[in-house]
Amino acid sequence: MAVEIIIFGSLSLIAVAAAVLMILTRNAVHSALFLVIVMSALAVFFLGLSGPFIAMVQVAVYAGAIMVLFLFVIMLLNQVPVQITDLPADQIVQGSAEAVGAQLYSTYLFPFEAVSVILLVAIVGAVVLARDERKKKTA
């Protein structure tokens, strides 16, 4: 019993410290890696609660896949040079939500709609495949 309390307490300190460092650090990559530590600590908590499946899902989905996407986006955005200037709000057009929307619905309308249709077909296909599998299992 005492060993479990020690493990829980030390793991709690690690999780809270990593969460605080995740918020306070200025480097986005370090912040994402601290988030991986928090997610891993959460997975160990689930193991302590006799939940090995949810612990594995926690590591695979959140600490694995989602964090890879976060790090990919962070690394991708770090490649774009950004010029910070003090311009009045009415002169800022590039990169604003209005400019992105206008560009998306004018210049890139066909690719945007094509991706929408592809995603819709994929969702319908997944529903049809899942529905057929359930019918086969009940028959």
N, C-alpha and C. Protein backbone atom coordinates (compact mmCIF):
# COMPACT_ATOMS: atom_id res chain seq x y z
N MET A 1 0.83 -1.20 0.00
CA MET A 1 0.00 0.00 0.00
C MET A 1 0.86 1.25 0.00
N ALA A 2 1.93 1.25 0.79
CA ALA A 2 2.80 2.42 0.86
C ALA A 2 3.55 2.64 -0.45
N VAL A 3 3.89 1.56 -1.14
CA VAL A 3 4.59 1.67 -2.42
C VAL A 3 3.68 2.32 -3.46
N GLU A 4 2.40 1.96 -3.44
CA GLU A 4 1.46 2.55 -4.39
C GLU A 4 1.30 4.05 -4.15
N ILE A 5 1.28 4.45 -2.90
CA ILE A 5 1.15 5.87 -2.58
C ILE A 5 2.40 6.63 -3.02
N ILE A 6 3.55 6.04 -2.83
CA ILE A 6 4.80 6.69 -3.26
C ILE A 6 4.84 6.82 -4.77
N ILE A 7 4.46 5.75 -5.48
CA ILE A 7 4.45 5.80 -6.95
C ILE A 7 3.44 6.84 -7.43
N PHE A 8 2.24 6.84 -6.84
CA PHE A 8 1.22 7.81 -7.22
C PHE A 8 1.68 9.24 -6.96
N GLY A 9 2.26 9.47 -5.79
CA GLY A 9 2.72 10.82 -5.45
C GLY A 9 3.82 11.31 -6.36
N SER A 10 4.80 10.45 -6.63
CA SER A 10 5.90 10.88 -7.50
C SER A 10 5.41 11.08 -8.94
N LEU A 11 4.53 10.19 -9.40
CA LEU A 11 3.99 10.35 -10.74
C LEU A 11 3.13 11.60 -10.85
N SER A 12 2.40 11.92 -9.79
CA SER A 12 1.60 13.14 -9.77
C SER A 12 2.48 14.37 -9.86
N LEU A 13 3.57 14.37 -9.10
CA LEU A 13 4.50 15.51 -9.15
C LEU A 13 5.10 15.66 -10.55
N ILE A 14 5.45 14.54 -11.16
CA ILE A 14 6.01 14.59 -12.51
C ILE A 14 4.98 15.16 -13.49
N ALA A 15 3.74 14.68 -13.39
CA ALA A 15 2.69 15.15 -14.31
C ALA A 15 2.41 16.64 -14.12
N VAL A 16 2.30 17.08 -12.88
CA VAL A 16 2.01 18.49 -12.62
C VAL A 16 3.19 19.37 -13.04
N ALA A 17 4.41 18.93 -12.74
CA ALA A 17 5.59 19.70 -13.13
C ALA A 17 5.69 19.80 -14.65
N ALA A 18 5.44 18.69 -15.35
CA ALA A 18 5.49 18.72 -16.82
C ALA A 18 4.39 19.61 -17.38
N ALA A 19 3.21 19.61 -16.76
CA ALA A 19 2.12 20.46 -17.23
C ALA A 19 2.47 21.93 -17.03
N VAL A 20 3.06 22.27 -15.89
CA VAL A 20 3.45 23.66 -15.64
C VAL A 20 4.55 24.08 -16.61
N LEU A 21 5.53 23.21 -16.82
CA LEU A 21 6.61 23.52 -17.76
C LEU A 21 6.09 23.62 -19.19
N MET A 22 5.08 22.83 -19.52
CA MET A 22 4.49 22.90 -20.85
C MET A 22 3.90 24.29 -21.09
N ILE A 23 3.30 24.85 -20.07
CA ILE A 23 2.69 26.17 -20.21
C ILE A 23 3.74 27.27 -20.19
N LEU A 24 4.76 27.13 -19.37
CA LEU A 24 5.73 28.21 -19.17
C LEU A 24 6.84 28.27 -20.20
N THR A 25 7.12 27.17 -20.89
CA THR A 25 8.24 27.18 -21.81
C THR A 25 7.92 28.02 -23.05
N ARG A 26 8.94 28.64 -23.61
CA ARG A 26 8.75 29.52 -24.76
C ARG A 26 8.92 28.76 -26.08
N ASN A 27 9.61 27.63 -26.05
CA ASN A 27 9.84 26.85 -27.25
C ASN A 27 8.66 25.91 -27.46
N ALA A 28 8.05 25.96 -28.63
CA ALA A 28 6.85 25.16 -28.91
C ALA A 28 7.16 23.67 -28.95
N VAL A 29 8.32 23.30 -29.44
CA VAL A 29 8.69 21.88 -29.49
C VAL A 29 8.86 21.33 -28.08
N HIS A 30 9.52 22.09 -27.21
CA HIS A 30 9.68 21.65 -25.82
C HIS A 30 8.32 21.55 -25.13
N SER A 31 7.44 22.48 -25.44
CA SER A 31 6.10 22.44 -24.87
C SER A 31 5.36 21.17 -25.29
N ALA A 32 5.47 20.81 -26.56
CA ALA A 32 4.82 19.59 -27.04
C ALA A 32 5.43 18.34 -26.39
N LEU A 33 6.73 18.35 -26.18
CA LEU A 33 7.36 17.20 -25.53
C LEU A 33 6.96 17.10 -24.05
N PHE A 34 6.77 18.22 -23.39
CA PHE A 34 6.26 18.18 -22.02
C PHE A 34 4.83 17.62 -22.00
N LEU A 35 4.07 17.92 -23.04
CA LEU A 35 2.72 17.36 -23.13
C LEU A 35 2.77 15.85 -23.31
N VAL A 36 3.76 15.34 -24.02
CA VAL A 36 3.95 13.89 -24.13
C VAL A 36 4.21 13.28 -22.76
N ILE A 37 5.00 13.96 -21.93
CA ILE A 37 5.27 13.47 -20.58
C ILE A 37 3.98 13.41 -19.76
N VAL A 38 3.16 14.44 -19.88
CA VAL A 38 1.88 14.45 -19.15
C VAL A 38 1.00 13.32 -19.63
N MET A 39 0.91 13.10 -20.93
CA MET A 39 0.08 12.02 -21.47
C MET A 39 0.61 10.65 -21.04
N SER A 40 1.91 10.50 -21.00
CA SER A 40 2.49 9.23 -20.56
C SER A 40 2.21 8.99 -19.08
N ALA A 41 2.29 10.03 -18.27
CA ALA A 41 1.97 9.89 -16.85
C ALA A 41 0.51 9.51 -16.68
N LEU A 42 -0.36 10.08 -17.49
CA LEU A 42 -1.77 9.72 -17.44
C LEU A 42 -1.98 8.25 -17.80
N ALA A 43 -1.21 7.76 -18.76
CA ALA A 43 -1.30 6.34 -19.14
C ALA A 43 -0.88 5.45 -17.97
N VAL A 44 0.14 5.84 -17.23
CA VAL A 44 0.57 5.05 -16.07
C VAL A 44 -0.51 5.09 -14.98
N PHE A 45 -1.19 6.22 -14.84
CA PHE A 45 -2.31 6.29 -13.89
C PHE A 45 -3.39 5.28 -14.28
N PHE A 46 -3.69 5.18 -15.57
CA PHE A 46 -4.69 4.21 -16.02
C PHE A 46 -4.23 2.78 -15.75
N LEU A 47 -2.93 2.53 -15.92
CA LEU A 47 -2.42 1.19 -15.58
C LEU A 47 -2.60 0.89 -14.10
N GLY A 48 -2.39 1.89 -13.26
CA GLY A 48 -2.59 1.70 -11.83
C GLY A 48 -4.04 1.45 -11.46
N LEU A 49 -4.95 1.89 -12.31
CA LEU A 49 -6.37 1.66 -12.07
C LEU A 49 -6.87 0.41 -12.79
N SER A 50 -5.96 -0.46 -13.19
CA SER A 50 -6.27 -1.71 -13.89
C SER A 50 -6.99 -1.46 -15.20
N GLY A 51 -6.48 -0.50 -15.94
CA GLY A 51 -7.04 -0.19 -17.27
C GLY A 51 -5.96 -0.25 -18.32
N PRO A 52 -5.45 -1.46 -18.64
CA PRO A 52 -4.35 -1.52 -19.60
C PRO A 52 -4.74 -1.10 -21.01
N PHE A 53 -5.99 -1.36 -21.40
CA PHE A 53 -6.40 -0.98 -22.75
C PHE A 53 -6.44 0.53 -22.91
N ILE A 54 -7.05 1.21 -21.96
CA ILE A 54 -7.13 2.67 -22.06
C ILE A 54 -5.74 3.30 -21.92
N ALA A 55 -4.86 2.66 -21.17
CA ALA A 55 -3.48 3.16 -21.07
C ALA A 55 -2.77 3.03 -22.41
N MET A 56 -2.98 1.90 -23.07
CA MET A 56 -2.36 1.70 -24.38
C MET A 56 -2.93 2.68 -25.40
N VAL A 57 -4.24 2.90 -25.34
CA VAL A 57 -4.86 3.86 -26.25
C VAL A 57 -4.33 5.27 -25.98
N GLN A 58 -4.16 5.60 -24.71
CA GLN A 58 -3.63 6.91 -24.32
C GLN A 58 -2.25 7.13 -24.94
N VAL A 59 -1.40 6.13 -24.85
CA VAL A 59 -0.05 6.26 -25.40
C VAL A 59 -0.08 6.26 -26.92
N ALA A 60 -0.83 5.33 -27.50
CA ALA A 60 -0.83 5.20 -28.96
C ALA A 60 -1.50 6.39 -29.64
N VAL A 61 -2.65 6.80 -29.13
CA VAL A 61 -3.40 7.84 -29.82
C VAL A 61 -2.90 9.23 -29.45
N TYR A 62 -2.87 9.53 -28.15
CA TYR A 62 -2.53 10.89 -27.75
C TYR A 62 -1.03 11.14 -27.75
N ALA A 63 -0.29 10.35 -27.01
CA ALA A 63 1.16 10.59 -26.93
C ALA A 63 1.84 10.23 -28.24
N GLY A 64 1.24 9.36 -29.02
CA GLY A 64 1.84 8.96 -30.28
C GLY A 64 1.35 9.77 -31.45
N ALA A 65 0.16 9.48 -31.91
CA ALA A 65 -0.33 10.05 -33.16
C ALA A 65 -0.60 11.55 -33.08
N ILE A 66 -1.32 11.98 -32.06
CA ILE A 66 -1.67 13.41 -31.96
C ILE A 66 -0.41 14.25 -31.78
N MET A 67 0.52 13.79 -30.97
CA MET A 67 1.73 14.58 -30.75
C MET A 67 2.61 14.61 -31.99
N VAL A 68 2.60 13.54 -32.78
CA VAL A 68 3.35 13.58 -34.05
C VAL A 68 2.75 14.65 -34.96
N LEU A 69 1.43 14.73 -34.98
CA LEU A 69 0.79 15.79 -35.79
C LEU A 69 1.13 17.17 -35.25
N PHE A 70 1.09 17.35 -33.93
CA PHE A 70 1.45 18.64 -33.34
C PHE A 70 2.88 19.01 -33.71
N LEU A 71 3.80 18.07 -33.54
CA LEU A 71 5.20 18.36 -33.85
C LEU A 71 5.40 18.63 -35.33
N PHE A 72 4.67 17.92 -36.18
CA PHE A 72 4.76 18.18 -37.62
C PHE A 72 4.31 19.59 -37.95
N VAL A 73 3.20 20.01 -37.38
CA VAL A 73 2.69 21.36 -37.63
C VAL A 73 3.66 22.41 -37.07
N ILE A 74 4.18 22.16 -35.88
CA ILE A 74 5.14 23.11 -35.29
C ILE A 74 6.38 23.24 -36.17
N MET A 75 6.91 22.10 -36.61
CA MET A 75 8.10 22.15 -37.46
C MET A 75 7.78 22.80 -38.81
N LEU A 76 6.60 22.55 -39.33
CA LEU A 76 6.22 23.14 -40.61
C LEU A 76 6.07 24.65 -40.49
N LEU A 77 5.46 25.10 -39.40
CA LEU A 77 5.27 26.53 -39.21
C LEU A 77 6.56 27.25 -38.90
N ASN A 78 7.52 26.56 -38.33
CA ASN A 78 8.81 27.20 -38.04
C ASN A 78 9.61 27.46 -39.32
N GLN A 79 9.25 26.83 -40.44
CA GLN A 79 9.95 27.04 -41.69
C GLN A 79 9.47 28.31 -42.40
N VAL A 80 8.34 28.85 -42.01
CA VAL A 80 7.78 30.03 -42.68
C VAL A 80 8.32 31.26 -42.00
N PRO A 81 9.03 32.13 -42.74
CA PRO A 81 9.51 33.36 -42.13
C PRO A 81 8.36 34.33 -41.90
N VAL A 82 8.31 34.88 -40.71
CA VAL A 82 7.22 35.78 -40.35
C VAL A 82 7.82 37.15 -40.04
N GLN A 83 7.30 38.17 -40.70
CA GLN A 83 7.71 39.53 -40.44
C GLN A 83 6.67 40.18 -39.55
N ILE A 84 7.07 40.61 -38.38
CA ILE A 84 6.13 41.27 -37.47
C ILE A 84 6.32 42.76 -37.61
N THR A 85 5.27 43.41 -38.04
CA THR A 85 5.32 44.86 -38.19
C THR A 85 4.12 45.46 -37.48
N ASP A 86 4.25 46.68 -37.10
CA ASP A 86 3.16 47.38 -36.44
C ASP A 86 2.36 48.14 -37.49
N LEU A 87 1.37 47.47 -38.05
CA LEU A 87 0.51 48.09 -39.05
C LEU A 87 -0.86 48.31 -38.44
N PRO A 88 -1.57 49.32 -38.92
CA PRO A 88 -2.96 49.48 -38.49
C PRO A 88 -3.79 48.28 -38.93
N ALA A 89 -4.85 48.00 -38.22
CA ALA A 89 -5.67 46.81 -38.47
C ALA A 89 -6.26 46.81 -39.86
N ASP A 90 -6.58 47.97 -40.43
CA ASP A 90 -7.19 48.00 -41.76
C ASP A 90 -6.20 47.70 -42.87
N GLN A 91 -4.90 47.75 -42.58
CA GLN A 91 -3.89 47.46 -43.60
C GLN A 91 -3.43 46.01 -43.56
N ILE A 92 -3.80 45.27 -42.55
CA ILE A 92 -3.40 43.86 -42.45
C ILE A 92 -4.41 43.03 -43.23
N VAL A 93 -4.00 42.51 -44.37
CA VAL A 93 -4.91 41.71 -45.18
C VAL A 93 -4.39 40.29 -45.38
N GLN A 94 -3.09 40.13 -45.57
CA GLN A 94 -2.55 38.80 -45.83
C GLN A 94 -2.48 38.01 -44.53
N GLY A 95 -3.08 36.83 -44.52
CA GLY A 95 -3.06 35.98 -43.35
C GLY A 95 -4.23 36.19 -42.41
N SER A 96 -5.05 37.19 -42.65
CA SER A 96 -6.21 37.40 -41.80
C SER A 96 -7.28 36.38 -42.17
N ALA A 97 -8.24 36.19 -41.30
CA ALA A 97 -9.31 35.23 -41.56
C ALA A 97 -10.10 35.61 -42.80
N GLU A 98 -10.33 36.90 -42.98
CA GLU A 98 -11.06 37.37 -44.16
C GLU A 98 -10.29 37.09 -45.44
N ALA A 99 -8.99 37.33 -45.42
CA ALA A 99 -8.17 37.09 -46.62
C ALA A 99 -8.07 35.61 -46.93
N VAL A 100 -7.93 34.79 -45.90
CA VAL A 100 -7.86 33.33 -46.12
C VAL A 100 -9.18 32.83 -46.68
N GLY A 101 -10.30 33.29 -46.11
CA GLY A 101 -11.61 32.88 -46.61
C GLY A 101 -11.84 33.31 -48.04
N ALA A 102 -11.47 34.54 -48.37
CA ALA A 102 -11.65 35.03 -49.74
C ALA A 102 -10.81 34.21 -50.71
N GLN A 103 -9.58 33.90 -50.34
CA GLN A 103 -8.70 33.11 -51.19
C GLN A 103 -9.23 31.68 -51.33
N LEU A 104 -9.72 31.12 -50.22
CA LEU A 104 -10.20 29.75 -50.23
C LEU A 104 -11.43 29.59 -51.10
N TYR A 105 -12.33 30.56 -51.06
CA TYR A 105 -13.58 30.45 -51.81
C TYR A 105 -13.52 31.09 -53.19
N SER A 106 -12.37 31.60 -53.60
CA SER A 106 -12.25 32.13 -54.95
C SER A 106 -11.19 31.33 -55.73
N THR A 107 -9.94 31.49 -55.37
CA THR A 107 -8.86 30.84 -56.11
C THR A 107 -8.86 29.34 -55.92
N TYR A 108 -9.08 28.88 -54.69
CA TYR A 108 -8.98 27.45 -54.37
C TYR A 108 -10.35 26.81 -54.15
N LEU A 109 -11.37 27.29 -54.83
CA LEU A 109 -12.71 26.75 -54.64
C LEU A 109 -12.82 25.30 -55.10
N PHE A 110 -12.29 24.98 -56.28
CA PHE A 110 -12.40 23.60 -56.77
C PHE A 110 -11.66 22.61 -55.88
N PRO A 111 -10.40 22.84 -55.51
CA PRO A 111 -9.74 21.88 -54.61
C PRO A 111 -10.45 21.77 -53.26
N PHE A 112 -10.98 22.86 -52.76
CA PHE A 112 -11.70 22.84 -51.48
C PHE A 112 -12.94 21.96 -51.59
N GLU A 113 -13.71 22.14 -52.65
CA GLU A 113 -14.91 21.33 -52.84
C GLU A 113 -14.56 19.88 -53.15
N ALA A 114 -13.47 19.64 -53.87
CA ALA A 114 -13.06 18.27 -54.17
C ALA A 114 -12.69 17.52 -52.88
N VAL A 115 -11.97 18.17 -52.00
CA VAL A 115 -11.63 17.55 -50.72
C VAL A 115 -12.88 17.30 -49.90
N SER A 116 -13.83 18.21 -49.95
CA SER A 116 -15.10 18.02 -49.23
C SER A 116 -15.83 16.79 -49.74
N VAL A 117 -15.89 16.61 -51.04
CA VAL A 117 -16.58 15.46 -51.62
C VAL A 117 -15.84 14.17 -51.28
N ILE A 118 -14.52 14.19 -51.35
CA ILE A 118 -13.73 12.99 -51.02
C ILE A 118 -13.94 12.60 -49.57
N LEU A 119 -13.94 13.56 -48.66
CA LEU A 119 -14.19 13.25 -47.25
C LEU A 119 -15.61 12.72 -47.03
N LEU A 120 -16.57 13.28 -47.73
CA LEU A 120 -17.94 12.80 -47.60
C LEU A 120 -18.07 11.37 -48.11
N VAL A 121 -17.44 11.06 -49.24
CA VAL A 121 -17.46 9.70 -49.76
C VAL A 121 -16.77 8.74 -48.80
N ALA A 122 -15.68 9.16 -48.19
CA ALA A 122 -14.98 8.31 -47.23
C ALA A 122 -15.84 8.03 -46.01
N ILE A 123 -16.56 9.03 -45.53
CA ILE A 123 -17.44 8.83 -44.37
C ILE A 123 -18.57 7.88 -44.72
N VAL A 124 -19.19 8.09 -45.87
CA VAL A 124 -20.28 7.19 -46.29
C VAL A 124 -19.76 5.78 -46.48
N GLY A 125 -18.59 5.64 -47.08
CA GLY A 125 -17.99 4.32 -47.26
C GLY A 125 -17.70 3.62 -45.95
N ALA A 126 -17.20 4.38 -44.97
CA ALA A 126 -16.92 3.78 -43.66
C ALA A 126 -18.20 3.33 -42.98
N VAL A 127 -19.26 4.11 -43.11
CA VAL A 127 -20.55 3.74 -42.52
C VAL A 127 -21.09 2.48 -43.20
N VAL A 128 -21.00 2.41 -44.54
CA VAL A 128 -21.50 1.25 -45.27
C VAL A 128 -20.70 0.00 -44.89
N LEU A 129 -19.39 0.11 -44.81
CA LEU A 129 -18.57 -1.03 -44.44
C LEU A 129 -18.86 -1.50 -43.02
N ALA A 130 -19.02 -0.57 -42.11
CA ALA A 130 -19.32 -0.95 -40.73
C ALA A 130 -20.70 -1.57 -40.62
N ARG A 131 -21.64 -1.06 -41.39
CA ARG A 131 -23.01 -1.59 -41.35
C ARG A 131 -23.06 -3.00 -41.92
N ASP A 132 -22.32 -3.26 -43.00
CA ASP A 132 -22.29 -4.60 -43.58
C ASP A 132 -21.65 -5.61 -42.63
N GLU A 133 -20.63 -5.19 -41.91
CA GLU A 133 -19.97 -6.08 -40.95
C GLU A 133 -20.91 -6.48 -39.83
N ARG A 134 -21.73 -5.54 -39.36
CA ARG A 134 -22.68 -5.85 -38.28
C ARG A 134 -23.75 -6.82 -38.78
N LYS A 135 -24.19 -6.65 -40.02
CA LYS A 135 -25.20 -7.56 -40.58
C LYS A 135 -24.65 -8.97 -40.70
N LYS A 136 -23.39 -9.11 -41.10
CA LYS A 136 -22.78 -10.43 -41.25
C LYS A 136 -22.63 -11.13 -39.91
N LYS A 137 -22.32 -10.37 -38.87
CA LYS A 137 -22.13 -10.95 -37.55
C LYS A 137 -23.45 -11.43 -36.93
N THR A 138 -24.54 -10.73 -37.21
CA THR A 138 -25.83 -11.13 -36.64
C THR A 138 -26.47 -12.26 -37.41
N ALA A 139 -26.08 -12.45 -38.67
CA ALA A 139 -26.71 -13.50 -39.48
C ALA A 139 -26.16 -14.86 -39.17
